[in-house]
């Protein structure tokens, strides 16, 4: 299995090119030899200029064209959305072929992506479609708190409907398997409730009794060390304090708010349930500072480090 990681540059108008070249400039020669950047070389050269990064782009770049005049920094452009899609598509095909062991994605702009005719809710849905999977799971990983989501980019009303016992069980299994893979011998998992105080025995709704509890019971029957439903207003504090290794969040904001509060710059987005590995920064394109050289690349470095960990685990 290849230990090369492939970084997709993201939307050319955003900060993706800048955080990419900054991260590569700080790599050792050995690390650069195990890195490929899927993007546009001309844009990366512009990013190197504004950031002051010293880097041999010929050494690492898989150069993919962008038609027309240069895309402006910070400007919504369908060509940027199309380019971001093509960077990812090429990286996926190379990962499927075994040329790279893990994809690391810089941020894309969902509006530009959809304006270009690529109708996805984000990276996770796109990757699932490109690899022929019905769905995937989003895990946000930091040193002291890890969260996996039952659903992500849907309305809260639809998220409650999507939290079926089958989907919750599949999420528990995916999180358990991933933690085992990265070295947790017996992962301790907590499943957050849907309603306040998990419904208070039906006073605030019965979704936790009908949807969450059966999934937890089945997971426990399979030998998974899982507890739940646990009231969402306490479970993240308990996990952050060391009681659990992973929290299963029922919907986007339930999981994203706590992880961004405690690890905004260092949390890594990991896609599970796919035939390929992918990590990502956990921030957006930041059009407001794109092209200034001020974008912080610490989150990209964390995503790259997690990807290295995954490919090394595969090889071992």
Protein backbone atom coordinates (compact mmCIF):
# COMPACT_ATOMS: atom_id res chain seq x y z
CA UNK A 1 0.00 0.00 0.00
CA UNK A 2 1.33 3.40 -1.01
CA UNK A 3 2.53 5.71 1.75
CA UNK A 4 2.20 8.72 -0.56
CA UNK A 5 -0.47 11.22 0.46
CA UNK A 6 -2.33 13.33 -2.09
CA UNK A 7 -3.31 16.88 -1.14
CA UNK A 8 -6.15 18.44 -3.13
CA UNK A 9 -5.66 22.19 -3.45
CA UNK A 10 -9.29 23.16 -2.87
CA UNK A 11 -11.03 26.14 -4.43
CA UNK A 12 -8.43 28.25 -6.29
CA UNK A 13 -10.01 31.45 -4.97
CA UNK A 14 -9.75 30.41 -1.33
CA UNK A 15 -6.95 29.85 1.17
CA UNK A 16 -6.39 26.22 0.16
CA UNK A 17 -3.43 26.96 -2.14
CA UNK A 18 -1.77 29.07 0.55
CA UNK A 19 -2.06 26.57 3.40
CA UNK A 20 -0.94 23.84 1.01
CA UNK A 21 2.30 25.52 -0.06
CA UNK A 22 3.04 26.63 3.50
CA UNK A 23 2.69 23.06 4.76
CA UNK A 24 4.82 21.56 1.99
CA UNK A 25 7.55 24.16 2.50
CA UNK A 26 7.93 22.94 6.09
CA UNK A 27 8.17 19.24 5.17
CA UNK A 28 11.41 17.31 5.21
CA UNK A 29 12.72 16.15 1.81
CA UNK A 30 11.59 12.64 2.69
CA UNK A 31 8.06 13.82 3.45
CA UNK A 32 7.88 15.83 0.22
CA UNK A 33 8.94 12.72 -1.70
CA UNK A 34 5.81 11.05 -0.28
CA UNK A 35 3.46 13.91 -1.17
CA UNK A 36 1.51 14.85 -4.30
CA UNK A 37 -0.54 18.03 -4.74
CA UNK A 38 -3.57 17.83 -7.01
CA UNK A 39 -4.18 21.35 -8.21
CA UNK A 40 -3.15 24.03 -10.64
CA UNK A 41 0.53 24.90 -10.72
CA UNK A 42 0.02 28.54 -11.72
CA UNK A 43 -2.29 29.12 -8.74
CA UNK A 44 0.13 27.36 -6.40
CA UNK A 45 2.94 29.58 -7.72
CA UNK A 46 0.85 32.67 -6.90
CA UNK A 47 0.23 31.25 -3.43
CA UNK A 48 3.95 30.67 -2.92
CA UNK A 49 4.62 34.32 -3.79
CA UNK A 50 2.06 35.77 -1.36
CA UNK A 51 3.12 33.45 1.46
CA UNK A 52 6.85 33.61 0.87
CA UNK A 53 7.02 29.83 0.75
CA UNK A 54 10.09 28.32 -0.91
CA UNK A 55 9.05 25.17 -2.71
CA UNK A 56 9.83 23.22 -5.88
CA UNK A 57 6.34 22.77 -7.28
CA UNK A 58 7.53 20.60 -10.17
CA UNK A 59 8.57 18.03 -7.58
CA UNK A 60 5.11 17.58 -6.05
CA UNK A 61 2.38 18.94 -8.33
CA UNK A 62 -0.13 16.98 -10.40
CA UNK A 63 -0.98 19.96 -12.60
CA UNK A 64 -4.59 20.21 -13.78
CA UNK A 65 -5.74 23.04 -16.06
CA UNK A 66 -8.20 25.85 -15.36
CA UNK A 67 -9.67 27.46 -18.46
CA UNK A 68 -9.80 31.22 -18.95
CA UNK A 69 -8.09 34.10 -17.15
CA UNK A 70 -6.69 33.66 -13.63
CA UNK A 71 -9.35 33.26 -10.93
CA UNK A 72 -9.27 36.18 -8.50
CA UNK A 73 -8.53 35.59 -4.85
CA UNK A 74 -11.68 35.71 -2.71
CA UNK A 75 -14.07 35.81 -5.67
CA UNK A 76 -16.86 33.26 -6.09
CA UNK A 77 -16.33 31.65 -9.51
CA UNK A 78 -17.96 28.52 -10.96
CA UNK A 79 -14.63 27.70 -12.61
CA UNK A 80 -13.16 27.42 -9.14
CA UNK A 81 -15.88 25.00 -8.12
CA UNK A 82 -15.30 22.91 -11.22
CA UNK A 83 -11.54 22.91 -10.72
CA UNK A 84 -11.90 21.86 -7.08
CA UNK A 85 -14.10 18.95 -8.18
CA UNK A 86 -11.60 17.83 -10.82
CA UNK A 87 -8.71 17.95 -8.35
CA UNK A 88 -10.65 15.68 -6.00
CA UNK A 89 -11.84 13.35 -8.76
CA UNK A 90 -8.27 12.79 -9.99
CA UNK A 91 -7.03 12.14 -6.45
CA UNK A 92 -9.85 9.65 -5.84
CA UNK A 93 -9.01 7.70 -8.99
CA UNK A 94 -5.34 7.59 -8.02
CA UNK A 95 -6.24 6.44 -4.51
CA UNK A 96 -8.44 3.69 -5.95
CA UNK A 97 -5.54 2.61 -8.17
CA UNK A 98 -3.19 2.50 -5.18
CA UNK A 99 -0.96 5.35 -6.36
CA UNK A 100 -1.63 7.30 -3.15
CA UNK A 101 -2.58 5.97 0.25
CA UNK A 102 -4.69 8.84 1.60
CA UNK A 103 -6.26 12.05 0.33
CA UNK A 104 -5.94 15.30 2.30
CA UNK A 105 -8.43 17.92 1.17
CA UNK A 106 -8.07 21.69 1.37
CA UNK A 107 -11.37 23.60 1.63
CA UNK A 108 -13.88 23.89 -1.19
CA UNK A 109 -16.71 26.38 -1.63
CA UNK A 110 -20.06 24.58 -1.79
CA UNK A 111 -21.76 27.43 -3.66
CA UNK A 112 -19.08 27.50 -6.36
CA UNK A 113 -19.20 23.71 -6.57
CA UNK A 114 -22.94 23.70 -7.18
CA UNK A 115 -22.81 26.65 -9.59
CA UNK A 116 -20.42 24.52 -11.64
CA UNK A 117 -23.01 21.76 -11.84
CA UNK A 118 -21.53 19.45 -9.21
CA UNK A 119 -24.44 19.04 -6.83
CA UNK A 120 -22.99 17.77 -3.58
CA UNK A 121 -23.39 18.93 0.00
CA UNK A 122 -19.64 18.89 0.54
CA UNK A 123 -16.59 16.67 0.45
CA UNK A 124 -18.11 13.68 2.26
CA UNK A 125 -21.11 13.31 -0.05
CA UNK A 126 -18.92 13.89 -3.12
CA UNK A 127 -16.43 11.24 -2.06
CA UNK A 128 -19.20 8.75 -1.38
CA UNK A 129 -20.63 9.33 -4.87
CA UNK A 130 -17.24 9.15 -6.58
CA UNK A 131 -16.45 5.84 -4.91
CA UNK A 132 -19.90 4.32 -5.42
CA UNK A 133 -20.94 4.32 -1.77
CA UNK A 134 -24.44 5.14 -0.56
CA UNK A 135 -23.10 7.24 2.29
CA UNK A 136 -20.08 7.92 4.47
CA UNK A 137 -19.45 9.12 7.99
CA UNK A 138 -17.81 12.34 9.17
CA UNK A 139 -15.50 12.05 12.16
CA UNK A 140 -13.90 15.13 13.72
CA UNK A 141 -10.76 14.19 15.63
CA UNK A 142 -8.75 16.19 18.14
CA UNK A 143 -6.41 15.15 20.91
CA UNK A 144 -9.00 15.15 23.71
CA UNK A 145 -12.32 14.95 21.87
CA UNK A 146 -13.46 12.87 18.91
CA UNK A 147 -16.95 13.04 17.42
CA UNK A 148 -18.63 11.02 14.67
CA UNK A 149 -21.91 12.16 13.12
CA UNK A 150 -25.06 10.21 12.30
CA UNK A 151 -25.94 12.96 9.77
CA UNK A 152 -24.32 16.21 8.71
CA UNK A 153 -25.49 18.59 6.00
CA UNK A 154 -29.26 18.25 6.29
CA UNK A 155 -31.91 20.29 8.07
CA UNK A 156 -32.49 19.58 11.74
CA UNK A 157 -35.98 18.28 10.91
CA UNK A 158 -34.54 15.78 8.42
CA UNK A 159 -31.66 14.88 10.75
CA UNK A 160 -34.08 13.55 13.35
CA UNK A 161 -35.74 11.36 10.74
CA UNK A 162 -32.35 10.11 9.55
CA UNK A 163 -31.37 9.00 13.04
CA UNK A 164 -32.81 5.52 12.54
CA UNK A 165 -31.60 2.61 14.69
CA UNK A 166 -29.89 1.18 11.61
CA UNK A 167 -28.00 4.39 10.80
CA UNK A 168 -27.01 4.97 14.43
CA UNK A 169 -25.75 1.38 14.71
CA UNK A 170 -23.74 1.77 11.50
CA UNK A 171 -22.22 4.98 12.88
CA UNK A 172 -21.23 3.28 16.13
CA UNK A 173 -19.61 0.43 14.20
CA UNK A 174 -17.70 2.81 11.91
CA UNK A 175 -16.35 4.80 14.83
CA UNK A 176 -15.42 1.67 16.78
CA UNK A 177 -13.57 0.14 13.82
CA UNK A 178 -11.65 3.37 13.14
CA UNK A 179 -10.49 3.77 16.72
CA UNK A 180 -9.38 0.14 16.79
CA UNK A 181 -7.40 0.79 13.63
CA UNK A 182 -5.52 3.74 15.09
CA UNK A 183 -4.59 1.91 18.26
CA UNK A 184 -7.47 1.95 20.76
CA UNK A 185 -7.73 -1.59 22.16
CA UNK A 186 -11.26 -1.23 23.56
CA UNK A 187 -12.77 2.09 22.44
CA UNK A 188 -15.20 3.68 24.91
CA UNK A 189 -18.06 5.18 22.95
CA UNK A 190 -20.94 7.39 24.10
CA UNK A 191 -24.03 8.00 21.98
CA UNK A 192 -25.57 11.44 22.46
CA UNK A 193 -29.32 11.69 22.87
CA UNK A 194 -31.55 13.51 20.42
CA UNK A 195 -33.86 15.35 22.82
CA UNK A 196 -33.09 17.40 25.95
CA UNK A 197 -32.21 14.99 28.76
CA UNK A 198 -32.82 12.13 26.31
CA UNK A 199 -36.54 12.86 26.41
CA UNK A 200 -37.08 12.50 30.19
CA UNK A 201 -38.98 9.20 29.76
CA UNK A 202 -41.17 10.64 27.02
CA UNK A 203 -41.85 14.09 28.48
CA UNK A 204 -39.75 15.75 25.76
CA UNK A 205 -40.22 13.20 22.99
CA UNK A 206 -39.71 9.47 22.56
CA UNK A 207 -37.06 9.45 19.80
CA UNK A 208 -34.30 8.43 22.20
CA UNK A 209 -36.25 5.42 23.40
CA UNK A 210 -37.38 4.35 19.93
CA UNK A 211 -34.35 5.25 17.77
CA UNK A 212 -31.20 5.54 19.87
CA UNK A 213 -31.62 2.92 22.61
CA UNK A 214 -32.19 -0.05 20.23
CA UNK A 215 -29.02 0.80 18.28
CA UNK A 216 -26.96 1.00 21.47
CA UNK A 217 -28.39 -2.32 22.70
CA UNK A 218 -27.46 -4.04 19.42
CA UNK A 219 -23.96 -2.58 19.46
CA UNK A 220 -23.44 -3.80 23.02
CA UNK A 221 -24.66 -7.24 21.97
CA UNK A 222 -21.91 -7.20 19.34
CA UNK A 223 -19.30 -6.60 22.02
CA UNK A 224 -18.81 -2.86 21.46
CA UNK A 225 -18.12 -0.84 24.60
CA UNK A 226 -20.84 1.76 24.15
CA UNK A 227 -23.14 3.74 26.43
CA UNK A 228 -26.26 5.70 25.58
CA UNK A 229 -28.29 7.60 24.97
CA UNK A 230 -26.39 10.11 27.08
CA UNK A 231 -27.73 13.63 27.48
CA UNK A 232 -25.94 15.86 24.99
CA UNK A 233 -25.53 18.67 27.53
CA UNK A 234 -23.07 16.57 29.57
CA UNK A 235 -21.61 13.94 27.26
CA UNK A 236 -19.01 16.20 25.60
CA UNK A 237 -17.67 17.43 28.93
CA UNK A 238 -17.38 13.84 30.11
CA UNK A 239 -15.58 12.81 26.90
CA UNK A 240 -13.24 15.81 27.04
CA UNK A 241 -12.45 14.87 30.65
CA UNK A 242 -11.47 11.35 29.61
CA UNK A 243 -14.57 9.23 30.26
CA UNK A 244 -15.11 8.38 26.58
CA UNK A 245 -12.87 8.05 23.52
CA UNK A 246 -15.61 8.93 21.02
CA UNK A 247 -19.02 10.60 21.00
CA UNK A 248 -21.67 9.73 18.42
CA UNK A 249 -23.45 13.01 17.59
CA UNK A 250 -26.92 12.82 16.11
CA UNK A 251 -26.61 15.84 13.78
CA UNK A 252 -24.20 18.46 12.45
CA UNK A 253 -24.26 21.21 15.06
CA UNK A 254 -24.53 18.82 17.99
CA UNK A 255 -21.08 17.52 17.07
CA UNK A 256 -19.43 20.50 15.41
CA UNK A 257 -20.03 23.11 18.11
CA UNK A 258 -18.17 21.33 20.93
CA UNK A 259 -15.24 20.20 18.76
CA UNK A 260 -14.77 23.69 17.32
CA UNK A 261 -14.96 25.20 20.79
CA UNK A 262 -12.10 23.10 22.16
CA UNK A 263 -10.02 22.42 19.03
CA UNK A 264 -10.86 24.99 16.38
CA UNK A 265 -7.37 25.09 14.84
CA UNK A 266 -6.34 21.46 15.30
CA UNK A 267 -9.41 19.24 14.70
CA UNK A 268 -9.17 17.01 11.65
CA UNK A 269 -12.10 15.92 9.49
CA UNK A 270 -11.86 12.20 8.66
CA UNK A 271 -14.16 10.35 6.24
CA UNK A 272 -15.12 6.81 7.27
CA UNK A 273 -17.03 4.13 5.41
CA UNK A 274 -15.24 4.68 2.09
CA UNK A 275 -12.92 2.31 0.19
CA UNK A 276 -10.25 5.04 0.36
CA UNK A 277 -8.87 7.15 3.21
CA UNK A 278 -9.39 10.89 3.43
CA UNK A 279 -8.59 13.57 6.00
CA UNK A 280 -9.28 17.28 5.75
CA UNK A 281 -8.93 20.63 7.39
CA UNK A 282 -11.95 21.58 9.45
CA UNK A 283 -12.43 25.11 8.12
CA UNK A 284 -13.70 26.85 5.02
CA UNK A 285 -12.25 28.75 2.08
CA UNK A 286 -11.94 32.06 4.01
CA UNK A 287 -12.45 34.22 0.93
CA UNK A 288 -12.07 37.34 3.10
CA UNK A 289 -8.34 36.72 3.67
CA UNK A 290 -7.48 34.69 0.55
CA UNK A 291 -4.44 36.02 -1.30
CA UNK A 292 -3.06 37.91 1.71
CA UNK A 293 -0.72 35.18 2.89
CA UNK A 294 -2.23 35.36 6.39
CA UNK A 295 -4.05 32.01 6.37
CA UNK A 296 -3.00 29.79 9.26
CA UNK A 297 -1.86 26.36 8.08
CA UNK A 298 -1.77 24.60 11.47
CA UNK A 299 -5.01 22.75 10.68
CA UNK A 300 -3.63 21.55 7.34
CA UNK A 301 -0.51 20.26 9.09
CA UNK A 302 -2.73 18.35 11.53
CA UNK A 303 -4.70 16.80 8.65
CA UNK A 304 -1.46 15.79 6.92
CA UNK A 305 -0.09 14.25 10.14
CA UNK A 306 -3.29 12.22 10.59
CA UNK A 307 -3.05 11.04 6.98
CA UNK A 308 0.55 9.92 7.54
CA UNK A 309 -0.65 7.98 10.57
CA UNK A 310 -3.30 6.22 8.51
CA UNK A 311 -1.00 5.20 5.67
CA UNK A 312 1.65 4.00 8.09
CA UNK A 313 -0.96 1.92 9.88
CA UNK A 314 -2.01 0.39 6.56
CA UNK A 315 1.57 -0.50 5.72
CA UNK A 316 2.12 -2.08 9.14
